[in-house]
Amino acid sequence: MRSALFLMVSLSLLSACQGPEQKAGAEKDKAAAEAAGQPYSGDGPNERVGSAREEEQFARSACSVQYVNRRR
């Protein structure tokens, strides 16, 4: 129960800040918008993909920590 709560809180904190994958995606979206002559809205497909990658990486690392703790 405690580990599930920790995971939920950690994922919510992670989604509140931009990590390197999400920042790189935002830069790609901004460059694509400028090349197309459109204003950058601040939320594009590459940014969402970067955010999803970061959440997946975090979830995998949290699961591996839980597995190690259970084996002790």
N, C-alpha and C. Protein backbone atom coordinates (compact mmCIF):
# COMPACT_ATOMS: atom_id res chain seq x y z
N MET A 1 0.83 -1.19 0.00
CA MET A 1 0.00 0.00 0.00
C MET A 1 0.87 1.25 0.00
N ARG A 2 1.90 1.23 0.85
CA ARG A 2 2.78 2.39 0.95
C ARG A 2 3.53 2.64 -0.35
N SER A 3 3.97 1.56 -1.00
CA SER A 3 4.71 1.73 -2.25
C SER A 3 3.81 2.24 -3.37
N ALA A 4 2.55 1.84 -3.38
CA ALA A 4 1.62 2.34 -4.39
C ALA A 4 1.37 3.83 -4.20
N LEU A 5 1.24 4.25 -2.96
CA LEU A 5 1.06 5.67 -2.67
C LEU A 5 2.29 6.47 -3.08
N PHE A 6 3.47 5.92 -2.78
CA PHE A 6 4.72 6.57 -3.17
C PHE A 6 4.80 6.73 -4.68
N LEU A 7 4.42 5.69 -5.41
CA LEU A 7 4.46 5.72 -6.87
C LEU A 7 3.50 6.77 -7.42
N MET A 8 2.29 6.85 -6.86
CA MET A 8 1.31 7.83 -7.35
C MET A 8 1.78 9.26 -7.09
N VAL A 9 2.32 9.51 -5.90
CA VAL A 9 2.80 10.85 -5.57
C VAL A 9 3.99 11.21 -6.45
N SER A 10 4.89 10.26 -6.65
CA SER A 10 6.07 10.52 -7.47
C SER A 10 5.71 10.80 -8.92
N LEU A 11 4.76 10.05 -9.46
CA LEU A 11 4.34 10.29 -10.84
C LEU A 11 3.67 11.65 -10.99
N SER A 12 2.91 12.06 -9.98
CA SER A 12 2.27 13.37 -10.07
C SER A 12 3.31 14.49 -9.99
N LEU A 13 4.34 14.30 -9.17
CA LEU A 13 5.40 15.30 -9.10
C LEU A 13 6.21 15.33 -10.39
N LEU A 14 6.44 14.17 -10.97
CA LEU A 14 7.19 14.11 -12.22
C LEU A 14 6.43 14.79 -13.34
N SER A 15 5.13 14.63 -13.37
CA SER A 15 4.36 15.26 -14.44
C SER A 15 4.29 16.77 -14.28
N ALA A 16 4.57 17.27 -13.08
CA ALA A 16 4.51 18.71 -12.85
C ALA A 16 5.75 19.43 -13.36
N CYS A 17 6.86 18.73 -13.52
CA CYS A 17 8.08 19.37 -14.01
C CYS A 17 8.49 18.77 -15.34
N GLN A 18 9.23 19.53 -16.10
CA GLN A 18 9.68 19.05 -17.40
C GLN A 18 11.08 18.46 -17.25
N GLY A 19 11.21 17.24 -17.72
CA GLY A 19 12.50 16.59 -17.74
C GLY A 19 13.19 16.81 -19.07
N PRO A 20 14.37 16.22 -19.25
CA PRO A 20 15.13 16.44 -20.48
C PRO A 20 14.42 15.94 -21.74
N GLU A 21 13.72 14.81 -21.65
CA GLU A 21 13.01 14.29 -22.83
C GLU A 21 11.89 15.24 -23.25
N GLN A 22 11.17 15.74 -22.28
CA GLN A 22 10.05 16.64 -22.57
C GLN A 22 10.56 17.98 -23.10
N LYS A 23 11.66 18.48 -22.54
CA LYS A 23 12.23 19.73 -23.02
C LYS A 23 12.72 19.60 -24.45
N ALA A 24 13.36 18.47 -24.76
CA ALA A 24 13.84 18.24 -26.13
C ALA A 24 12.66 18.17 -27.10
N GLY A 25 11.60 17.52 -26.69
CA GLY A 25 10.40 17.45 -27.53
C GLY A 25 9.79 18.82 -27.76
N ALA A 26 9.80 19.65 -26.73
CA ALA A 26 9.25 21.00 -26.87
C ALA A 26 10.08 21.81 -27.86
N GLU A 27 11.40 21.63 -27.82
CA GLU A 27 12.26 22.34 -28.76
C GLU A 27 11.99 21.89 -30.20
N LYS A 28 11.79 20.58 -30.39
CA LYS A 28 11.46 20.06 -31.73
C LYS A 28 10.13 20.64 -32.22
N ASP A 29 9.15 20.68 -31.33
CA ASP A 29 7.84 21.22 -31.70
C ASP A 29 7.93 22.70 -32.06
N LYS A 30 8.72 23.44 -31.28
CA LYS A 30 8.88 24.87 -31.54
C LYS A 30 9.55 25.10 -32.89
N ALA A 31 10.60 24.32 -33.18
CA ALA A 31 11.30 24.46 -34.46
C ALA A 31 10.38 24.10 -35.64
N ALA A 32 9.58 23.06 -35.47
CA ALA A 32 8.66 22.65 -36.54
C ALA A 32 7.59 23.71 -36.77
N ALA A 33 7.11 24.32 -35.70
CA ALA A 33 6.09 25.36 -35.84
C ALA A 33 6.67 26.59 -36.54
N GLU A 34 7.90 26.96 -36.17
CA GLU A 34 8.54 28.11 -36.81
C GLU A 34 8.80 27.84 -38.29
N ALA A 35 9.21 26.62 -38.62
CA ALA A 35 9.47 26.26 -40.02
C ALA A 35 8.19 26.29 -40.85
N ALA A 36 7.07 25.96 -40.22
CA ALA A 36 5.79 25.97 -40.92
C ALA A 36 5.13 27.35 -40.91
N GLY A 37 5.76 28.30 -40.20
CA GLY A 37 5.19 29.65 -40.14
C GLY A 37 3.99 29.76 -39.23
N GLN A 38 3.90 28.85 -38.25
CA GLN A 38 2.78 28.87 -37.31
C GLN A 38 3.28 29.24 -35.92
N PRO A 39 2.42 29.82 -35.10
CA PRO A 39 2.83 30.12 -33.72
C PRO A 39 2.92 28.82 -32.91
N TYR A 40 3.87 28.78 -31.99
CA TYR A 40 4.03 27.61 -31.13
C TYR A 40 3.07 27.72 -29.96
N SER A 41 2.22 26.73 -29.81
CA SER A 41 1.18 26.77 -28.77
C SER A 41 1.67 26.32 -27.40
N GLY A 42 2.83 25.68 -27.34
CA GLY A 42 3.38 25.26 -26.05
C GLY A 42 3.11 23.81 -25.71
N ASP A 43 2.39 23.10 -26.56
CA ASP A 43 2.12 21.69 -26.30
C ASP A 43 1.99 20.97 -27.64
N GLY A 44 3.03 20.24 -27.99
CA GLY A 44 3.01 19.55 -29.27
C GLY A 44 3.21 18.05 -29.11
N PRO A 45 3.17 17.32 -30.20
CA PRO A 45 3.27 15.86 -30.12
C PRO A 45 4.62 15.36 -29.60
N ASN A 46 5.71 16.02 -29.97
CA ASN A 46 7.02 15.57 -29.50
C ASN A 46 7.18 15.80 -28.00
N GLU A 47 6.60 16.87 -27.50
CA GLU A 47 6.65 17.14 -26.07
C GLU A 47 5.87 16.08 -25.29
N ARG A 48 4.71 15.70 -25.81
CA ARG A 48 3.90 14.66 -25.15
C ARG A 48 4.61 13.31 -25.18
N VAL A 49 5.29 13.01 -26.29
CA VAL A 49 6.05 11.76 -26.38
C VAL A 49 7.18 11.76 -25.36
N GLY A 50 7.89 12.87 -25.23
CA GLY A 50 8.96 12.97 -24.25
C GLY A 50 8.46 12.79 -22.83
N SER A 51 7.31 13.38 -22.54
CA SER A 51 6.72 13.23 -21.21
C SER A 51 6.35 11.78 -20.94
N ALA A 52 5.78 11.12 -21.92
CA ALA A 52 5.41 9.71 -21.76
C ALA A 52 6.64 8.84 -21.55
N ARG A 53 7.73 9.13 -22.26
CA ARG A 53 8.97 8.37 -22.08
C ARG A 53 9.51 8.53 -20.66
N GLU A 54 9.47 9.75 -20.16
CA GLU A 54 9.96 10.00 -18.81
C GLU A 54 9.11 9.27 -17.77
N GLU A 55 7.80 9.29 -17.94
CA GLU A 55 6.93 8.59 -17.00
C GLU A 55 7.18 7.09 -17.05
N GLU A 56 7.41 6.55 -18.24
CA GLU A 56 7.69 5.12 -18.37
C GLU A 56 9.01 4.77 -17.70
N GLN A 57 10.04 5.59 -17.91
CA GLN A 57 11.33 5.33 -17.28
C GLN A 57 11.22 5.39 -15.77
N PHE A 58 10.46 6.36 -15.27
CA PHE A 58 10.30 6.48 -13.83
C PHE A 58 9.54 5.28 -13.26
N ALA A 59 8.49 4.87 -13.95
CA ALA A 59 7.71 3.72 -13.47
C ALA A 59 8.55 2.46 -13.46
N ARG A 60 9.38 2.27 -14.47
CA ARG A 60 10.26 1.09 -14.49
C ARG A 60 11.26 1.13 -13.35
N SER A 61 11.83 2.31 -13.08
CA SER A 61 12.80 2.40 -11.99
C SER A 61 12.11 2.19 -10.64
N ALA A 62 10.88 2.68 -10.49
CA ALA A 62 10.15 2.49 -9.24
C ALA A 62 9.80 1.02 -9.05
N CYS A 63 9.45 0.33 -10.13
CA CYS A 63 9.13 -1.10 -10.04
C CYS A 63 10.37 -1.90 -9.68
N SER A 64 11.52 -1.53 -10.21
CA SER A 64 12.74 -2.27 -9.88
C SER A 64 13.12 -2.06 -8.43
N VAL A 65 12.87 -0.87 -7.88
CA VAL A 65 13.15 -0.62 -6.47
C VAL A 65 12.23 -1.47 -5.61
N GLN A 66 10.96 -1.58 -5.97
CA GLN A 66 10.03 -2.40 -5.21
C GLN A 66 10.46 -3.86 -5.25
N TYR A 67 10.92 -4.34 -6.39
CA TYR A 67 11.35 -5.73 -6.52
C TYR A 67 12.55 -6.01 -5.62
N VAL A 68 13.50 -5.10 -5.59
CA VAL A 68 14.69 -5.28 -4.75
C VAL A 68 14.29 -5.27 -3.29
N ASN A 69 13.39 -4.37 -2.88
CA ASN A 69 12.97 -4.30 -1.49
C ASN A 69 12.21 -5.55 -1.06
N ARG A 70 11.48 -6.17 -1.94
CA ARG A 70 10.73 -7.38 -1.58
C ARG A 70 11.65 -8.58 -1.40
N ARG A 71 12.78 -8.59 -2.06
CA ARG A 71 13.68 -9.73 -1.99
C ARG A 71 14.48 -9.73 -0.70
N ARG A 72 14.52 -8.64 0.01
CA ARG A 72 15.32 -8.56 1.24
C ARG A 72 14.69 -9.28 2.37
